[in-house]
């Protein structure tokens, strides 16, 4: 089992959600986050004063998938979230040793 975590631009969330639903993903977790990467933020002007925005708003999407499905889930997120511009985000995959559904006690892939 794998935990696929993606940090994407906020306006790409709907496309990512639809892509994952289209491939039969049962559930996702979405969190509003802030951060920066290589870009390091940007400067903006408000009422004539310039200021630096260091932490940009992003969306973190987390999906649990079987090891066999993790590659296709990653590809779906990558395709849906890509704009071709700086700041599109990152995806990483983390091995998960155990999953337990709290309500039923199911474990492993049955709990996904």
N, C-alpha and C. Protein backbone atom coordinates (compact mmCIF):
# COMPACT_ATOMS: atom_id res chain seq x y z
N UNK A 1 0.84 -1.18 0.00
CA UNK A 1 0.00 0.00 0.00
C UNK A 1 0.88 1.23 0.00
N UNK A 2 0.36 2.29 -0.61
CA UNK A 2 1.11 3.52 -0.76
C UNK A 2 0.24 4.72 -0.39
N UNK A 3 0.89 5.73 0.16
CA UNK A 3 0.25 7.02 0.37
C UNK A 3 0.81 7.96 -0.68
N UNK A 4 -0.04 8.42 -1.58
CA UNK A 4 0.36 9.37 -2.61
C UNK A 4 -0.02 10.75 -2.11
N UNK A 5 0.96 11.63 -1.98
CA UNK A 5 0.75 13.00 -1.52
C UNK A 5 1.13 13.94 -2.64
N UNK A 6 0.25 14.88 -2.94
CA UNK A 6 0.52 15.87 -3.98
C UNK A 6 0.24 17.25 -3.43
N UNK A 7 1.12 18.19 -3.75
CA UNK A 7 0.89 19.60 -3.43
C UNK A 7 0.69 20.29 -4.76
N UNK A 8 -0.50 20.88 -4.94
CA UNK A 8 -0.88 21.44 -6.24
C UNK A 8 -1.40 22.87 -6.10
N UNK A 9 -1.59 23.53 -7.23
CA UNK A 9 -2.20 24.87 -7.23
C UNK A 9 -3.69 24.73 -6.88
N UNK A 10 -4.22 25.69 -6.11
CA UNK A 10 -5.62 25.58 -5.68
C UNK A 10 -6.62 25.45 -6.82
N UNK A 11 -6.41 26.16 -7.92
CA UNK A 11 -7.40 26.12 -9.00
C UNK A 11 -7.35 24.81 -9.80
N UNK A 12 -6.40 23.92 -9.51
CA UNK A 12 -6.31 22.63 -10.19
C UNK A 12 -7.01 21.52 -9.41
N UNK A 13 -7.52 21.83 -8.23
CA UNK A 13 -8.13 20.80 -7.38
C UNK A 13 -9.30 20.10 -8.06
N UNK A 14 -10.17 20.85 -8.66
CA UNK A 14 -11.36 20.24 -9.29
C UNK A 14 -10.95 19.25 -10.39
N UNK A 15 -9.97 19.61 -11.20
CA UNK A 15 -9.51 18.72 -12.27
C UNK A 15 -8.88 17.45 -11.69
N UNK A 16 -8.11 17.60 -10.63
CA UNK A 16 -7.49 16.44 -9.98
C UNK A 16 -8.57 15.54 -9.38
N UNK A 17 -9.53 16.14 -8.70
CA UNK A 17 -10.62 15.37 -8.09
C UNK A 17 -11.38 14.58 -9.15
N UNK A 18 -11.71 15.20 -10.24
CA UNK A 18 -12.44 14.52 -11.32
C UNK A 18 -11.61 13.40 -11.94
N UNK A 19 -10.32 13.63 -12.12
CA UNK A 19 -9.45 12.60 -12.69
C UNK A 19 -9.39 11.38 -11.77
N UNK A 20 -9.29 11.62 -10.47
CA UNK A 20 -9.23 10.51 -9.52
C UNK A 20 -10.56 9.77 -9.42
N UNK A 21 -11.67 10.53 -9.41
CA UNK A 21 -12.99 9.88 -9.40
C UNK A 21 -13.19 9.05 -10.65
N UNK A 22 -12.71 9.57 -11.78
CA UNK A 22 -12.85 8.87 -13.05
C UNK A 22 -12.12 7.54 -13.10
N UNK A 23 -11.07 7.41 -12.32
CA UNK A 23 -10.34 6.14 -12.31
C UNK A 23 -10.75 5.24 -11.15
N UNK A 24 -11.78 5.66 -10.40
CA UNK A 24 -12.34 4.80 -9.36
C UNK A 24 -11.72 4.94 -7.98
N UNK A 25 -10.99 6.01 -7.72
CA UNK A 25 -10.43 6.22 -6.39
C UNK A 25 -11.57 6.45 -5.41
N UNK A 26 -11.56 5.71 -4.30
CA UNK A 26 -12.68 5.73 -3.36
C UNK A 26 -12.70 6.97 -2.48
N UNK A 27 -11.55 7.56 -2.17
CA UNK A 27 -11.55 8.72 -1.30
C UNK A 27 -10.23 9.47 -1.34
N UNK A 28 -10.30 10.75 -1.04
CA UNK A 28 -9.11 11.58 -0.96
C UNK A 28 -9.22 12.48 0.26
N UNK A 29 -8.09 12.96 0.72
CA UNK A 29 -8.04 13.94 1.80
C UNK A 29 -7.42 15.20 1.22
N UNK A 30 -8.05 16.35 1.46
CA UNK A 30 -7.58 17.62 0.92
C UNK A 30 -7.34 18.58 2.07
N UNK A 31 -6.19 19.25 2.04
CA UNK A 31 -5.82 20.22 3.07
C UNK A 31 -5.33 21.49 2.41
N UNK A 32 -5.77 22.65 2.92
CA UNK A 32 -5.22 23.92 2.44
C UNK A 32 -3.91 24.16 3.17
N UNK A 33 -2.85 24.38 2.40
CA UNK A 33 -1.52 24.59 2.98
C UNK A 33 -0.87 25.81 2.34
N UNK A 34 0.25 26.24 2.88
CA UNK A 34 1.04 27.32 2.31
C UNK A 34 2.49 26.88 2.27
N UNK A 35 3.22 27.36 1.27
CA UNK A 35 4.62 27.00 1.18
C UNK A 35 5.28 27.68 0.00
N UNK A 36 6.54 27.33 -0.22
CA UNK A 36 7.26 27.81 -1.39
C UNK A 36 8.28 26.77 -1.81
N UNK A 37 8.64 26.82 -3.06
CA UNK A 37 9.66 25.93 -3.61
C UNK A 37 10.79 26.76 -4.18
N UNK A 38 11.26 26.36 -5.34
CA UNK A 38 12.36 27.07 -5.98
C UNK A 38 12.04 28.52 -6.26
N UNK A 39 10.78 28.80 -6.53
CA UNK A 39 10.36 30.16 -6.87
C UNK A 39 10.58 31.10 -5.68
N UNK A 40 10.40 30.61 -4.48
CA UNK A 40 10.64 31.41 -3.29
C UNK A 40 9.64 32.52 -3.04
N UNK A 41 8.46 32.42 -3.59
CA UNK A 41 7.44 33.46 -3.41
C UNK A 41 7.55 34.52 -4.51
N UNK A 42 6.88 35.65 -4.30
CA UNK A 42 6.91 36.73 -5.27
C UNK A 42 6.57 38.05 -4.59
N UNK A 43 6.77 39.16 -5.29
CA UNK A 43 6.43 40.47 -4.74
C UNK A 43 5.13 40.96 -5.34
N UNK A 44 4.35 41.66 -4.55
CA UNK A 44 3.09 42.25 -5.00
C UNK A 44 3.05 43.70 -4.54
N UNK A 45 2.17 44.47 -5.17
CA UNK A 45 1.99 45.86 -4.78
C UNK A 45 0.56 46.04 -4.29
N UNK A 46 0.43 46.66 -3.11
CA UNK A 46 -0.89 46.94 -2.55
C UNK A 46 -0.91 48.40 -2.11
N UNK A 47 -1.78 49.18 -2.70
CA UNK A 47 -1.90 50.61 -2.41
C UNK A 47 -0.55 51.33 -2.48
N UNK A 48 0.20 50.99 -3.51
CA UNK A 48 1.47 51.65 -3.75
C UNK A 48 2.65 51.11 -2.98
N UNK A 49 2.40 50.21 -2.04
CA UNK A 49 3.50 49.65 -1.25
C UNK A 49 3.81 48.24 -1.76
N UNK A 50 5.09 47.96 -1.97
CA UNK A 50 5.51 46.64 -2.40
C UNK A 50 5.77 45.76 -1.19
N UNK A 51 5.35 44.51 -1.28
CA UNK A 51 5.63 43.56 -0.21
C UNK A 51 5.87 42.18 -0.81
N UNK A 52 6.54 41.35 -0.06
CA UNK A 52 6.91 40.01 -0.53
C UNK A 52 5.95 38.98 0.04
N UNK A 53 5.42 38.15 -0.84
CA UNK A 53 4.60 37.01 -0.44
C UNK A 53 5.51 35.79 -0.49
N UNK A 54 5.92 35.30 0.68
CA UNK A 54 6.85 34.18 0.71
C UNK A 54 6.14 32.84 0.64
N UNK A 55 5.05 32.71 1.37
CA UNK A 55 4.32 31.45 1.40
C UNK A 55 3.09 31.55 0.52
N UNK A 56 3.08 30.74 -0.54
CA UNK A 56 1.98 30.77 -1.50
C UNK A 56 0.92 29.74 -1.11
N UNK A 57 -0.36 30.05 -1.35
CA UNK A 57 -1.41 29.08 -1.03
C UNK A 57 -1.35 27.89 -1.97
N UNK A 58 -1.44 26.70 -1.40
CA UNK A 58 -1.42 25.45 -2.16
C UNK A 58 -2.48 24.52 -1.57
N UNK A 59 -2.70 23.41 -2.26
CA UNK A 59 -3.61 22.37 -1.80
C UNK A 59 -2.82 21.07 -1.70
N UNK A 60 -2.94 20.39 -0.57
CA UNK A 60 -2.30 19.08 -0.41
C UNK A 60 -3.38 18.02 -0.55
N UNK A 61 -3.16 17.09 -1.48
CA UNK A 61 -4.10 16.01 -1.75
C UNK A 61 -3.41 14.71 -1.34
N UNK A 62 -4.10 13.90 -0.54
CA UNK A 62 -3.56 12.62 -0.11
C UNK A 62 -4.50 11.50 -0.53
N UNK A 63 -3.91 10.44 -1.10
CA UNK A 63 -4.69 9.30 -1.59
C UNK A 63 -4.01 8.02 -1.14
N UNK A 64 -4.75 7.10 -0.55
CA UNK A 64 -4.25 5.77 -0.25
C UNK A 64 -4.58 4.87 -1.43
N UNK A 65 -3.58 4.11 -1.87
CA UNK A 65 -3.80 3.22 -3.02
C UNK A 65 -2.99 1.95 -2.82
N UNK A 66 -3.41 0.90 -3.51
CA UNK A 66 -2.61 -0.32 -3.50
C UNK A 66 -1.32 -0.05 -4.26
N UNK A 67 -0.31 -0.84 -4.00
CA UNK A 67 0.98 -0.65 -4.66
C UNK A 67 0.84 -0.75 -6.17
N UNK A 68 -0.03 -1.62 -6.65
CA UNK A 68 -0.24 -1.80 -8.08
C UNK A 68 -0.88 -0.56 -8.72
N UNK A 69 -1.73 0.13 -7.98
CA UNK A 69 -2.45 1.29 -8.52
C UNK A 69 -1.71 2.61 -8.33
N UNK A 70 -0.66 2.64 -7.52
CA UNK A 70 -0.02 3.91 -7.17
C UNK A 70 0.54 4.64 -8.39
N UNK A 71 1.08 3.92 -9.34
CA UNK A 71 1.64 4.56 -10.53
C UNK A 71 0.56 5.24 -11.36
N UNK A 72 -0.58 4.59 -11.53
CA UNK A 72 -1.65 5.19 -12.33
C UNK A 72 -2.29 6.37 -11.59
N UNK A 73 -2.37 6.30 -10.26
CA UNK A 73 -2.90 7.42 -9.49
C UNK A 73 -1.96 8.62 -9.62
N UNK A 74 -0.66 8.36 -9.51
CA UNK A 74 0.34 9.43 -9.66
C UNK A 74 0.25 10.06 -11.04
N UNK A 75 0.13 9.24 -12.08
CA UNK A 75 0.01 9.77 -13.45
C UNK A 75 -1.25 10.61 -13.63
N UNK A 76 -2.36 10.17 -13.03
CA UNK A 76 -3.61 10.92 -13.14
C UNK A 76 -3.49 12.29 -12.48
N UNK A 77 -2.87 12.34 -11.30
CA UNK A 77 -2.69 13.62 -10.62
C UNK A 77 -1.77 14.52 -11.44
N UNK A 78 -0.67 13.96 -11.93
CA UNK A 78 0.29 14.74 -12.72
C UNK A 78 -0.36 15.34 -13.96
N UNK A 79 -1.15 14.56 -14.66
CA UNK A 79 -1.81 15.05 -15.88
C UNK A 79 -2.84 16.13 -15.57
N UNK A 80 -3.62 15.92 -14.52
CA UNK A 80 -4.69 16.86 -14.19
C UNK A 80 -4.17 18.16 -13.59
N UNK A 81 -3.06 18.10 -12.84
CA UNK A 81 -2.56 19.28 -12.13
C UNK A 81 -1.59 20.11 -12.96
N UNK A 82 -1.11 19.58 -14.06
CA UNK A 82 -0.07 20.27 -14.82
C UNK A 82 -0.62 21.45 -15.63
N UNK A 83 0.01 22.61 -15.45
CA UNK A 83 -0.30 23.78 -16.28
C UNK A 83 0.90 24.13 -17.15
N UNK A 84 2.04 23.52 -16.86
CA UNK A 84 3.26 23.81 -17.58
C UNK A 84 3.98 25.05 -17.09
N UNK A 85 3.50 25.62 -16.00
CA UNK A 85 4.10 26.84 -15.45
C UNK A 85 4.75 26.54 -14.11
N UNK A 86 5.63 27.43 -13.69
CA UNK A 86 6.32 27.26 -12.42
C UNK A 86 5.30 27.21 -11.28
N UNK A 87 5.56 26.36 -10.30
CA UNK A 87 4.67 26.26 -9.15
C UNK A 87 3.57 25.23 -9.28
N UNK A 88 3.66 24.35 -10.30
CA UNK A 88 2.63 23.31 -10.47
C UNK A 88 2.57 22.36 -9.28
N UNK A 89 3.69 22.15 -8.59
CA UNK A 89 3.67 21.35 -7.38
C UNK A 89 4.55 20.14 -7.43
N UNK A 90 4.33 19.24 -6.48
CA UNK A 90 5.12 18.02 -6.34
C UNK A 90 4.20 16.87 -5.97
N UNK A 91 4.67 15.65 -6.29
CA UNK A 91 3.98 14.43 -5.89
C UNK A 91 5.04 13.52 -5.28
N UNK A 92 4.71 12.91 -4.14
CA UNK A 92 5.61 11.90 -3.61
C UNK A 92 4.80 10.72 -3.10
N UNK A 93 5.45 9.56 -3.11
CA UNK A 93 4.80 8.31 -2.75
C UNK A 93 5.53 7.73 -1.54
N UNK A 94 4.75 7.38 -0.52
CA UNK A 94 5.31 6.86 0.72
C UNK A 94 4.73 5.47 1.00
N UNK A 95 5.56 4.49 1.31
CA UNK A 95 5.03 3.17 1.66
C UNK A 95 4.23 3.23 2.96
N UNK A 96 3.14 2.48 3.00
CA UNK A 96 2.29 2.42 4.20
C UNK A 96 2.31 0.98 4.69
N UNK A 97 2.67 0.79 5.94
CA UNK A 97 2.79 -0.58 6.46
C UNK A 97 1.45 -1.15 6.92
N UNK A 98 0.53 -0.29 7.36
CA UNK A 98 -0.74 -0.81 7.86
C UNK A 98 -1.83 0.24 7.72
N UNK A 99 -3.03 -0.23 7.39
CA UNK A 99 -4.22 0.63 7.33
C UNK A 99 -5.32 -0.10 8.10
N UNK A 100 -6.04 0.65 8.93
CA UNK A 100 -7.16 0.07 9.69
C UNK A 100 -8.36 1.00 9.54
N UNK A 101 -9.49 0.44 9.10
CA UNK A 101 -10.74 1.20 9.08
C UNK A 101 -11.30 1.17 10.49
N UNK A 102 -11.45 2.32 11.09
CA UNK A 102 -11.85 2.40 12.50
C UNK A 102 -13.22 1.78 12.75
N UNK A 103 -14.19 2.09 11.89
CA UNK A 103 -15.57 1.64 12.12
C UNK A 103 -15.70 0.13 12.12
N UNK A 104 -15.06 -0.56 11.14
CA UNK A 104 -15.26 -2.00 10.98
C UNK A 104 -14.09 -2.86 11.44
N UNK A 105 -12.93 -2.23 11.62
CA UNK A 105 -11.75 -2.98 12.00
C UNK A 105 -11.05 -3.63 10.82
N UNK A 106 -11.54 -3.40 9.59
CA UNK A 106 -10.89 -3.97 8.41
C UNK A 106 -9.46 -3.45 8.32
N UNK A 107 -8.58 -4.29 7.77
CA UNK A 107 -7.18 -3.90 7.61
C UNK A 107 -6.72 -4.12 6.18
N UNK A 108 -5.55 -3.57 5.87
CA UNK A 108 -4.96 -3.75 4.55
C UNK A 108 -5.78 -3.07 3.46
N UNK A 109 -5.75 -3.67 2.25
CA UNK A 109 -6.46 -3.07 1.11
C UNK A 109 -7.97 -3.04 1.31
N UNK A 110 -8.52 -3.91 2.16
CA UNK A 110 -9.95 -3.87 2.46
C UNK A 110 -10.34 -2.56 3.15
N UNK A 111 -9.38 -1.95 3.84
CA UNK A 111 -9.67 -0.72 4.58
C UNK A 111 -9.60 0.52 3.70
N UNK A 112 -9.07 0.39 2.48
CA UNK A 112 -8.96 1.55 1.59
C UNK A 112 -10.32 1.91 1.14
